Structures are given as structure tokens and as C-alpha cells.
């Protein structure tokens, strides 16, 4: 259930979670870290960089990547996602897909839902009204939850409309699962957060979620400090990774940056790989390694075709950035 939140409560929680220490090279290895997988067809060799250093991944899809399908879940866990609405009303093929995946021997234990439903398609959101989303959830996510899988709330943008969207969604979902005079709550196991602004904004945003959804763990499945200087981007990474690792209620996180600098849609300095595919300092830190000294813009850029492929993802973030920056 979502609780009404006072500004005082938000401030109290945000202060509670502020980081205490920033390491020179950033916090090293952490089993909370995962891969937000956004491959580029011109540089598929880069796909081999991430496991086994990272413990889990998602690809915005219900089925695992062919590249990783033979890696045991215990080593590199695939987390399926119901990205948006199915083409047909009442379609429950997502449930069938996940059940079949489990029957095939893939030990699915966690499921993600609805990517930025509060954002339009032109910004890369799944653009769902909360009433429709609630019915799709009951049809496709609730049966998996009833089977014992852990399910996450939809991942809204970092804008002002995110929490109100979720409040309506939870209310509508609860109404759908209630029968007669028996009131039931729409159940979920963790909240899912996206953020592309500065650290102060991130801390405040997490404070809002912690106050609104008490006793729920958090997954930060997309985050970065977009379009900033290298110094500021590295500082943001260090301070955010430190407090994600320190907080028990932050269960998992995935930096949006697993691509080369020249095709980055969050600014060149936010990428974990240089133009020629070497780990940047942030990339190395994220994988639990020491600094490389490689700058994001080092090396020869990939082809224009590669940039065009990555640019298809750019629209998915432009609107989210506009929302985040409007908050400051």
C-alpha cells in the first residue's frame, strides 16, 4: 500500500540514507550490481565484458539474451520484464512465457514490470494509464506472484507524476483483487526506481519512495548523472554506489552506462566503455576493479551505423531527462 507522505518524513528518510564515506576509486565489488543490457549490433563483442563480475541482468524483455542463456542463474541471474501492454486486451502470454521458461530449467525468482508507464512512447516509456496497467498486472504479474516469484512495482520516471501514477495504480489494482466486502491489497515485493539527475535529487527521490512504501526494498534499475563533466560524473558514481551498497533496503542496482562513449545517450562521460571498447574508470569500478585511467573519449569511434542503432534508445531517455531537470 502507498502511504501519504509529508515533506518532513521525506527529509528525515533522505537524511538517514546520505552516504558517509566516499572511496578514492569508488566502492569495489558488490553483489548488488547488475547489468541494464542495451547492446549495439556493431560491437557485440562488448557483451562478454559484464559477466561474471555482475550478478544479474535484465534486457527489457521476457526472455534471456542468447549470449547469456547458458550461464546458470546462480552466476548471472536473468530477470524478465513485462515492458508494457500486450497487443491484445486480456493477453496473458507473458505468464505463459515465464512459466515455460521455468519449465525449461531457468530458475526465475524475480520479475520486473512496466518501463516508465508515466512517459509517452516518444520518450521511450510504455505510456500506460494506471487503470489499464492495473488490469494487465492482475492478468500477468499477480499469477507469478501467487506462484512465489518476487515482483517489482512499475518503474516510473523520476518526474513529479511518478508517485501519483503509482498511487492510482496500487489503488486500482487493490480494487481488482478485492472481492465483495473483503478488501485486499495489491501485493509487490520491491519498488523500482529510475533517476538521471544529481545526487541530492536522487537522495530526495529515494526518500520519497522509502516514506511512501515502508518496509519495501528498492531496486534502482536505471540511473546515471546525464550529460555532465567527467569529474562530476565520477563523483556522482562514487557517492551513489557507496550508499547503495551500504543500505540494507537497497537490494539491487544497475547503472545505465553499459555501452561505448561515442554511442552514449546519457553523455559521453557516463559510459562505462571508451570509444574503442575499453573499461573507463567508472566501468572498472562498477565491475569491482581498480582505475584504468582510460578516458571515455579515448580511441576511435564506432561506425555511424552503430550510432544510429544506439540513437533509437535515445528517445527513451530525453523526456525523462527533461522531467528530472525541471525539478531543480
Protein backbone atom coordinates (compact mmCIF):
# COMPACT_ATOMS: atom_id res chain seq x y z
CA UNK A 1 0.00 0.00 0.00
CA UNK A 2 1.21 3.51 -0.78
CA UNK A 3 1.15 5.91 2.16
CA UNK A 4 0.59 9.65 2.03
CA UNK A 5 3.94 11.31 2.60
CA UNK A 6 4.71 14.53 4.42
CA UNK A 7 7.70 16.69 3.41
CA UNK A 8 9.10 16.24 6.91
CA UNK A 9 9.04 12.45 6.55
CA UNK A 10 10.74 12.63 3.18
CA UNK A 11 13.50 14.86 4.56
CA UNK A 12 14.02 12.57 7.53
CA UNK A 13 14.42 9.50 5.35
CA UNK A 14 16.66 11.30 2.83
CA UNK A 15 18.99 12.47 5.59
CA UNK A 16 19.07 8.96 7.05
CA UNK A 17 20.36 7.49 3.78
CA UNK A 18 23.02 10.06 2.97
CA UNK A 19 26.39 8.43 2.33
CA UNK A 20 29.04 8.50 5.00
CA UNK A 21 32.24 7.76 3.08
CA UNK A 22 33.47 8.18 -0.48
CA UNK A 23 36.28 5.88 -1.58
CA UNK A 24 39.12 7.10 -3.79
CA UNK A 25 38.29 4.55 -6.50
CA UNK A 26 34.66 4.11 -5.57
CA UNK A 27 33.37 1.10 -3.62
CA UNK A 28 34.72 -2.08 -5.17
CA UNK A 29 32.90 -5.37 -5.84
CA UNK A 30 29.25 -5.64 -4.80
CA UNK A 31 26.78 -8.44 -5.47
CA UNK A 32 24.00 -5.85 -5.69
CA UNK A 33 25.22 -4.64 -9.08
CA UNK A 34 23.58 -5.77 -12.28
CA UNK A 35 23.58 -5.14 -16.00
CA UNK A 36 21.00 -2.98 -17.73
CA UNK A 37 21.58 -4.61 -21.11
CA UNK A 38 21.38 -2.31 -24.16
CA UNK A 39 23.51 -3.97 -26.86
CA UNK A 40 24.89 -2.36 -30.00
CA UNK A 41 24.84 -4.59 -33.07
CA UNK A 42 28.16 -3.21 -34.33
CA UNK A 43 30.07 -4.04 -31.12
CA UNK A 44 28.57 -7.30 -29.86
CA UNK A 45 31.95 -8.45 -28.57
CA UNK A 46 31.38 -6.00 -25.71
CA UNK A 47 28.60 -8.25 -24.40
CA UNK A 48 31.24 -10.57 -22.92
CA UNK A 49 32.64 -7.87 -20.62
CA UNK A 50 29.95 -7.91 -17.94
CA UNK A 51 29.60 -11.44 -16.54
CA UNK A 52 30.77 -12.88 -14.21
CA UNK A 53 31.65 -9.60 -12.45
CA UNK A 54 27.97 -8.65 -12.25
CA UNK A 55 25.46 -10.93 -10.58
CA UNK A 56 22.23 -10.25 -12.51
CA UNK A 57 20.83 -8.57 -15.60
CA UNK A 58 17.69 -7.54 -17.44
CA UNK A 59 17.10 -6.66 -21.08
CA UNK A 60 13.60 -5.11 -21.04
CA UNK A 61 12.26 -8.45 -22.38
CA UNK A 62 10.65 -11.64 -21.03
CA UNK A 63 13.33 -13.96 -22.45
CA UNK A 64 17.08 -14.09 -21.72
CA UNK A 65 19.75 -12.97 -24.17
CA UNK A 66 21.11 -15.80 -26.35
CA UNK A 67 24.62 -14.68 -25.38
CA UNK A 68 23.94 -15.42 -21.73
CA UNK A 69 21.38 -18.24 -21.87
CA UNK A 70 23.90 -20.95 -20.94
CA UNK A 71 25.16 -19.13 -17.82
CA UNK A 72 23.47 -20.55 -14.69
CA UNK A 73 21.04 -18.27 -12.88
CA UNK A 74 23.14 -18.73 -9.76
CA UNK A 75 26.03 -16.99 -11.54
CA UNK A 76 24.28 -14.38 -13.67
CA UNK A 77 20.58 -14.12 -12.91
CA UNK A 78 18.22 -13.12 -15.71
CA UNK A 79 15.26 -11.01 -14.54
CA UNK A 80 12.36 -10.96 -17.03
CA UNK A 81 10.36 -7.80 -17.66
CA UNK A 82 6.83 -7.10 -18.81
CA UNK A 83 7.77 -3.88 -20.60
CA UNK A 84 4.30 -2.57 -21.44
CA UNK A 85 0.83 -3.52 -22.56
CA UNK A 86 0.32 -6.58 -24.77
CA UNK A 87 -1.17 -6.02 -28.21
CA UNK A 88 -4.46 -7.65 -27.28
CA UNK A 89 -6.64 -6.93 -24.27
CA UNK A 90 -6.67 -9.87 -21.88
CA UNK A 91 -3.47 -11.33 -23.35
CA UNK A 92 -1.67 -13.44 -20.75
CA UNK A 93 1.19 -14.66 -22.94
CA UNK A 94 3.72 -13.12 -20.54
CA UNK A 95 2.60 -15.55 -17.83
CA UNK A 96 2.86 -18.44 -20.26
CA UNK A 97 6.34 -17.34 -21.38
CA UNK A 98 7.66 -17.17 -17.83
CA UNK A 99 6.09 -20.50 -16.86
CA UNK A 100 7.64 -22.11 -19.93
CA UNK A 101 10.99 -20.55 -19.08
CA UNK A 102 10.83 -22.05 -15.61
CA UNK A 103 9.81 -25.44 -17.01
CA UNK A 104 12.85 -25.31 -19.30
CA UNK A 105 15.08 -25.16 -16.23
CA UNK A 106 15.65 -21.41 -15.81
CA UNK A 107 15.21 -20.60 -12.13
CA UNK A 108 13.29 -17.34 -12.40
CA UNK A 109 12.79 -15.76 -8.98
CA UNK A 110 12.27 -12.04 -9.73
CA UNK A 111 10.16 -10.18 -12.28
CA UNK A 112 10.16 -6.53 -13.38
CA UNK A 113 7.15 -4.68 -14.75
CA UNK A 114 6.19 -1.68 -16.93
CA UNK A 115 9.08 0.51 -18.03
CA UNK A 116 8.27 4.20 -17.36
CA UNK A 117 4.50 3.89 -17.85
CA UNK A 118 4.13 7.59 -16.98
CA UNK A 119 6.15 8.61 -20.06
CA UNK A 120 4.97 8.68 -23.70
CA UNK A 121 6.24 6.34 -26.41
CA UNK A 122 8.26 9.18 -27.95
CA UNK A 123 10.31 9.30 -24.75
CA UNK A 124 10.66 5.51 -24.61
CA UNK A 125 8.01 4.99 -21.95
CA UNK A 126 5.37 2.27 -22.08
CA UNK A 127 2.72 5.01 -21.81
CA UNK A 128 0.04 3.26 -19.79
CA UNK A 129 -2.70 4.79 -17.73
CA UNK A 130 -2.70 3.29 -14.22
CA UNK A 131 -6.19 1.79 -14.56
CA UNK A 132 -5.24 -0.21 -17.66
CA UNK A 133 -1.89 -1.12 -16.11
CA UNK A 134 -3.62 -2.47 -13.01
CA UNK A 135 -5.70 -4.90 -15.07
CA UNK A 136 -2.64 -6.07 -17.03
CA UNK A 137 -0.80 -6.56 -13.73
CA UNK A 138 -3.63 -8.70 -12.33
CA UNK A 139 -3.67 -10.76 -15.54
CA UNK A 140 0.09 -11.20 -15.96
CA UNK A 141 2.04 -10.34 -12.80
CA UNK A 142 -0.24 -11.47 -9.99
CA UNK A 143 -0.29 -15.14 -11.17
CA UNK A 144 3.51 -15.16 -10.99
CA UNK A 145 3.44 -13.58 -7.54
CA UNK A 146 0.95 -16.25 -6.47
CA UNK A 147 3.50 -18.85 -7.64
CA UNK A 148 6.07 -17.38 -5.25
CA UNK A 149 8.05 -15.20 -7.64
CA UNK A 150 9.10 -11.79 -6.31
CA UNK A 151 7.61 -8.91 -8.31
CA UNK A 152 8.56 -5.25 -8.54
CA UNK A 153 6.30 -2.24 -8.89
CA UNK A 154 6.36 -0.45 -12.26
CA UNK A 155 9.46 1.70 -12.83
CA UNK A 156 8.18 5.26 -13.26
CA UNK A 157 10.32 8.19 -14.34
CA UNK A 158 11.96 10.47 -11.80
CA UNK A 159 9.41 13.20 -12.57
CA UNK A 160 6.63 14.62 -10.42
CA UNK A 161 4.00 12.38 -11.99
CA UNK A 162 5.68 9.12 -10.99
CA UNK A 163 4.44 8.65 -7.42
CA UNK A 164 0.89 9.87 -8.18
CA UNK A 165 0.78 7.36 -11.04
CA UNK A 166 1.85 4.59 -8.68
CA UNK A 167 -0.66 5.67 -6.03
CA UNK A 168 -3.51 5.36 -8.52
CA UNK A 169 -2.11 2.09 -9.85
CA UNK A 170 -1.94 0.48 -6.40
CA UNK A 171 -5.46 1.68 -5.53
CA UNK A 172 -6.92 0.33 -8.79
CA UNK A 173 -5.03 -2.94 -8.51
CA UNK A 174 -6.23 -3.40 -4.93
CA UNK A 175 -9.82 -2.84 -6.05
CA UNK A 176 -9.44 -5.51 -8.73
CA UNK A 177 -8.12 -8.16 -6.33
CA UNK A 178 -10.72 -7.39 -3.65
CA UNK A 179 -13.92 -9.42 -3.61
CA UNK A 180 -17.26 -8.49 -2.05
CA UNK A 181 -16.71 -6.98 1.37
CA UNK A 182 -13.19 -8.41 1.59
CA UNK A 183 -10.61 -5.70 0.99
CA UNK A 184 -7.29 -6.93 -0.40
CA UNK A 185 -4.12 -5.02 -1.18
CA UNK A 186 -2.22 -5.32 -4.43
CA UNK A 187 0.94 -7.07 -3.31
CA UNK A 188 4.50 -6.50 -4.52
CA UNK A 189 7.94 -7.22 -3.13
CA UNK A 190 10.10 -4.25 -4.08
CA UNK A 191 9.90 -0.80 -5.64
CA UNK A 192 11.79 0.05 -8.82
CA UNK A 193 13.46 3.45 -9.34
CA UNK A 194 14.86 5.41 -12.32
CA UNK A 195 16.95 8.57 -11.93
CA UNK A 196 19.13 10.74 -14.18
CA UNK A 197 19.73 13.83 -12.10
CA UNK A 198 22.21 14.83 -9.41
CA UNK A 199 22.88 13.07 -6.13
CA UNK A 200 20.79 15.42 -3.97
CA UNK A 201 17.82 14.77 -6.21
CA UNK A 202 18.45 11.02 -6.08
CA UNK A 203 18.58 11.03 -2.29
CA UNK A 204 15.36 13.02 -2.09
CA UNK A 205 13.64 10.77 -4.64
CA UNK A 206 14.65 7.66 -2.72
CA UNK A 207 13.45 9.30 0.46
CA UNK A 208 10.03 9.80 -1.10
CA UNK A 209 9.84 6.16 -2.11
CA UNK A 210 11.06 4.93 1.28
CA UNK A 211 8.42 7.00 3.05
CA UNK A 212 5.64 6.09 0.60
CA UNK A 213 6.39 2.35 0.60
CA UNK A 214 7.70 1.50 4.08
CA UNK A 215 9.26 -1.91 4.63
CA UNK A 216 9.83 -2.46 0.91
CA UNK A 217 13.24 -2.97 -0.62
CA UNK A 218 14.45 -0.91 -3.61
CA UNK A 219 15.88 -1.78 -6.99
CA UNK A 220 17.44 1.17 -8.82
CA UNK A 221 17.26 -0.29 -12.33
CA UNK A 222 18.25 2.81 -14.33
CA UNK A 223 20.39 5.65 -13.01
CA UNK A 224 23.22 7.96 -14.00
CA UNK A 225 24.15 11.66 -13.94
CA UNK A 226 23.44 12.58 -17.52
CA UNK A 227 25.45 14.98 -19.69
CA UNK A 228 27.93 16.14 -17.04
CA UNK A 229 31.69 16.70 -16.85
CA UNK A 230 33.88 13.65 -16.25
CA UNK A 231 34.77 14.87 -12.77
CA UNK A 232 31.14 15.36 -11.76
CA UNK A 233 30.04 12.07 -13.31
CA UNK A 234 32.74 10.13 -11.46
CA UNK A 235 31.92 11.87 -8.18
CA UNK A 236 28.25 11.00 -8.62
CA UNK A 237 29.10 7.37 -9.31
CA UNK A 238 31.29 7.08 -6.21
CA UNK A 239 28.83 8.66 -3.79
CA UNK A 240 25.79 6.82 -5.16
CA UNK A 241 27.48 3.40 -5.24
CA UNK A 242 28.68 3.85 -1.67
CA UNK A 243 25.23 4.46 -0.27
CA UNK A 244 23.53 1.83 -2.44
CA UNK A 245 26.00 -0.71 -1.08
CA UNK A 246 25.60 0.47 2.50
CA UNK A 247 21.82 0.49 2.71
CA UNK A 248 20.13 -2.81 3.51
CA UNK A 249 16.89 -1.76 1.84
CA UNK A 250 18.65 -1.13 -1.48
CA UNK A 251 18.58 -4.67 -2.77
CA UNK A 252 19.96 -4.20 -6.30
CA UNK A 253 21.07 -1.51 -8.71
CA UNK A 254 22.13 -1.20 -12.35
CA UNK A 255 23.98 1.78 -13.77
CA UNK A 256 22.71 2.83 -17.19
CA UNK A 257 26.04 3.01 -18.99
CA UNK A 258 27.00 -0.43 -20.33
CA UNK A 259 27.96 0.88 -23.77
CA UNK A 260 30.66 2.83 -25.57
CA UNK A 261 31.08 6.56 -25.06
CA UNK A 262 30.52 7.53 -28.69
CA UNK A 263 27.04 5.99 -28.75
CA UNK A 264 26.02 7.10 -25.25
CA UNK A 265 22.68 8.84 -24.95
CA UNK A 266 23.43 9.98 -21.39
CA UNK A 267 26.52 11.97 -22.32
CA UNK A 268 29.98 10.64 -23.23
CA UNK A 269 31.29 10.70 -19.67
CA UNK A 270 28.54 8.46 -18.29
CA UNK A 271 29.53 5.45 -20.41
CA UNK A 272 31.39 2.54 -18.87
CA UNK A 273 33.32 1.85 -22.09
CA UNK A 274 35.58 4.14 -24.10
CA UNK A 275 35.10 4.77 -27.81
CA UNK A 276 37.27 1.73 -28.56
CA UNK A 277 35.61 -0.56 -26.02
CA UNK A 278 37.97 -0.40 -23.03
CA UNK A 279 36.69 -0.04 -19.49
CA UNK A 280 36.68 3.54 -18.25
CA UNK A 281 37.37 4.26 -14.60
CA UNK A 282 33.64 4.12 -13.85
CA UNK A 283 33.32 0.88 -15.80
CA UNK A 284 36.21 -0.67 -13.91
CA UNK A 285 34.90 0.50 -10.54
CA UNK A 286 31.45 -0.88 -11.34
CA UNK A 287 32.99 -4.29 -12.05
CA UNK A 288 34.96 -4.17 -8.80
CA UNK A 289 38.33 -3.32 -10.32
CA UNK A 290 40.90 -0.58 -9.86
CA UNK A 291 41.01 2.56 -12.01
CA UNK A 292 42.11 2.08 -15.62
CA UNK A 293 42.97 5.69 -16.42
CA UNK A 294 41.07 5.26 -19.70
CA UNK A 295 39.02 8.31 -20.66
CA UNK A 296 35.58 7.77 -22.17
CA UNK A 297 36.55 9.56 -25.39
CA UNK A 298 39.78 7.59 -25.88
CA UNK A 299 40.15 5.58 -29.06
CA UNK A 300 38.45 5.51 -32.44
CA UNK A 301 34.69 5.86 -32.60
CA UNK A 302 32.44 3.10 -33.90
CA UNK A 303 30.68 3.48 -37.24
CA UNK A 304 27.88 5.91 -37.94
CA UNK A 305 25.62 2.89 -38.30
CA UNK A 306 26.37 1.97 -34.70
CA UNK A 307 25.45 5.45 -33.56
CA UNK A 308 22.17 5.23 -35.43
CA UNK A 309 21.34 1.96 -33.69
CA UNK A 310 22.01 3.45 -30.28
CA UNK A 311 20.10 6.62 -31.15
CA UNK A 312 16.92 4.58 -31.21
CA UNK A 313 17.30 4.25 -27.46
CA UNK A 314 17.96 7.98 -27.03
CA UNK A 315 14.32 8.97 -27.30
CA UNK A 316 13.60 6.70 -24.35
CA UNK A 317 15.60 8.99 -22.08
CA UNK A 318 15.24 12.50 -23.49
CA UNK A 319 11.84 13.02 -21.95
CA UNK A 320 12.91 11.54 -18.65
CA UNK A 321 15.87 13.94 -18.54
CA UNK A 322 13.57 16.87 -19.24
CA UNK A 323 11.33 15.83 -16.36
CA UNK A 324 14.22 15.40 -13.93
CA UNK A 325 15.90 18.71 -14.75
CA UNK A 326 12.57 20.52 -14.37
CA UNK A 327 12.58 19.56 -10.70
CA UNK A 328 15.63 21.73 -9.91
